[in-house]
Amino acid sequence: MNKEELQRRTQLFSIRIIKLVEILPSNNTTNILTKQLIRCATSIGANYRSACKGKSKADFINKIIIVEEEADESIYWLELIENLVKTNLPEIVDLKKEANELTAIFTAIGKTAKQNQLIRKSI
């Protein structure tokens, strides 16, 4: 998967999260949880785009770590919503799967970038 495909994938994830939030029941608790979910889910794509424009390898790595954390945080909020709203929406299952995949992808990217940085420093 190239940079543009991953940028598009993260953007689609954000769109799918927003569409999920729009169909959930609205109350004080759900509103708080969904605001948190939207913040971290949309942050994945925004921070990945920023990482791609990083000023240095260290900047790239720092931003990728943030992307990884935001993807993992999305899983947390999706799980809370799933448990508290007591809904069996297939969208939540699919979005948790995608968030897990994004977390794995960005973890691997970060690990590779860190290893490459260490190799360059040792040369």
Protein backbone atom coordinates (compact mmCIF):
# COMPACT_ATOMS: atom_id res chain seq x y z
CA MET A 1 0.00 0.00 0.00
CA ASN A 2 1.50 3.32 -1.00
CA LYS A 3 1.28 6.67 0.79
CA GLU A 4 -1.69 7.94 -1.25
CA GLU A 5 -3.67 4.72 -0.74
CA LEU A 6 -3.06 4.86 3.00
CA GLN A 7 -4.06 8.52 3.12
CA ARG A 8 -7.30 7.64 1.33
CA ARG A 9 -7.89 4.68 3.65
CA THR A 10 -7.53 6.85 6.74
CA GLN A 11 -9.85 9.44 5.24
CA LEU A 12 -12.48 6.78 4.50
CA PHE A 13 -12.15 5.56 8.08
CA SER A 14 -12.92 9.08 9.31
CA ILE A 15 -15.94 9.33 7.01
CA ARG A 16 -17.26 5.96 8.17
CA ILE A 17 -16.85 6.99 11.83
CA ILE A 18 -18.77 10.22 11.22
CA LYS A 19 -21.56 8.29 9.47
CA LEU A 20 -21.73 5.86 12.40
CA VAL A 21 -22.02 8.72 14.88
CA GLU A 22 -24.89 10.17 12.88
CA ILE A 23 -27.00 7.01 13.32
CA LEU A 24 -26.34 6.49 17.03
CA PRO A 25 -28.91 7.62 19.60
CA SER A 26 -28.22 11.05 21.00
CA ASN A 27 -27.93 11.56 24.75
CA ASN A 28 -25.37 13.12 27.09
CA THR A 29 -23.21 10.01 27.41
CA THR A 30 -23.28 9.04 23.76
CA ASN A 31 -22.53 12.60 22.71
CA ILE A 32 -19.41 12.73 24.90
CA LEU A 33 -18.18 9.33 23.68
CA THR A 34 -18.82 10.09 20.02
CA LYS A 35 -17.05 13.45 20.22
CA GLN A 36 -13.99 11.66 21.56
CA LEU A 37 -14.28 9.01 18.84
CA ILE A 38 -14.55 11.61 16.08
CA ARG A 39 -11.55 13.52 17.43
CA CYS A 40 -9.21 10.54 17.50
CA ALA A 41 -10.51 8.87 14.33
CA THR A 42 -10.15 12.00 12.22
CA SER A 43 -6.78 12.67 13.81
CA ILE A 44 -5.40 9.46 12.27
CA GLY A 45 -5.59 10.74 8.71
CA ALA A 46 -4.67 14.32 9.57
CA ASN A 47 -1.57 13.29 11.49
CA TYR A 48 -0.54 10.74 8.86
CA ARG A 49 -0.69 13.44 6.19
CA SER A 50 1.41 15.64 8.46
CA ALA A 51 3.89 12.80 9.03
CA CYS A 52 4.28 12.40 5.27
CA LYS A 53 5.38 16.05 5.16
CA GLY A 54 7.71 15.60 8.14
CA LYS A 55 10.73 17.87 8.38
CA SER A 56 13.04 15.00 9.40
CA LYS A 57 13.02 11.27 10.09
CA ALA A 58 12.63 12.02 13.80
CA ASP A 59 9.63 14.25 13.05
CA PHE A 60 8.12 11.50 10.89
CA ILE A 61 8.59 8.91 13.64
CA ASN A 62 7.06 11.17 16.31
CA LYS A 63 4.01 11.82 14.16
CA ILE A 64 3.60 8.14 13.25
CA ILE A 65 3.61 7.30 16.96
CA ILE A 66 0.74 9.78 17.41
CA VAL A 67 -1.12 8.17 14.49
CA GLU A 68 -0.67 4.73 16.04
CA GLU A 69 -1.97 5.99 19.42
CA GLU A 70 -5.00 7.65 17.83
CA ALA A 71 -5.88 4.47 15.92
CA ASP A 72 -5.66 2.45 19.13
CA GLU A 73 -7.71 5.05 20.98
CA SER A 74 -10.40 4.74 18.31
CA ILE A 75 -10.73 1.06 19.22
CA TYR A 76 -11.24 2.02 22.85
CA TRP A 77 -14.05 4.49 22.11
CA LEU A 78 -15.72 2.06 19.69
CA GLU A 79 -15.67 -0.63 22.37
CA LEU A 80 -17.15 1.74 24.95
CA ILE A 81 -19.89 2.82 22.58
CA GLU A 82 -20.63 -0.78 21.66
CA ASN A 83 -20.93 -1.76 25.34
CA LEU A 84 -22.77 1.29 26.66
CA VAL A 85 -25.16 1.92 23.80
CA LYS A 86 -26.01 -1.80 23.72
CA THR A 87 -26.09 -1.93 19.98
CA ASN A 88 -25.20 -4.71 17.62
CA LEU A 89 -24.52 -2.50 14.65
CA PRO A 90 -22.34 -4.34 12.13
CA GLU A 91 -20.71 -0.97 11.39
CA ILE A 92 -19.07 -1.00 14.82
CA VAL A 93 -17.62 -4.47 14.27
CA ASP A 94 -16.27 -3.43 10.86
CA LEU A 95 -14.85 -0.17 12.22
CA LYS A 96 -13.13 -1.94 15.11
CA LYS A 97 -11.56 -4.32 12.60
CA GLU A 98 -10.37 -1.41 10.46
CA ALA A 99 -9.04 0.45 13.51
CA ASN A 100 -7.11 -2.66 14.53
CA GLU A 101 -5.67 -2.97 11.03
CA LEU A 102 -4.69 0.70 10.96
CA THR A 103 -3.05 0.34 14.37
CA ALA A 104 -1.04 -2.63 13.10
CA ILE A 105 -0.04 -0.81 9.91
CA PHE A 106 1.16 2.29 11.73
CA THR A 107 2.91 0.22 14.40
CA ALA A 108 4.84 -1.55 11.63
CA ILE A 109 5.63 1.74 9.87
CA GLY A 110 6.91 3.23 13.12
CA LYS A 111 9.00 0.17 13.94
CA THR A 112 10.56 0.14 10.46
CA ALA A 113 11.28 3.87 10.57
CA LYS A 114 12.95 3.53 13.99
CA GLN A 115 15.07 0.60 12.77
CA ASN A 116 16.11 2.52 9.66
CA GLN A 117 17.03 5.52 11.78
CA LEU A 118 19.21 3.35 14.02
CA ILE A 119 20.92 1.80 11.00
CA ARG A 120 21.69 5.24 9.56
CA LYS A 121 23.13 6.41 12.89
CA SER A 122 25.39 3.36 13.14
CA ILE A 123 26.88 3.88 9.67
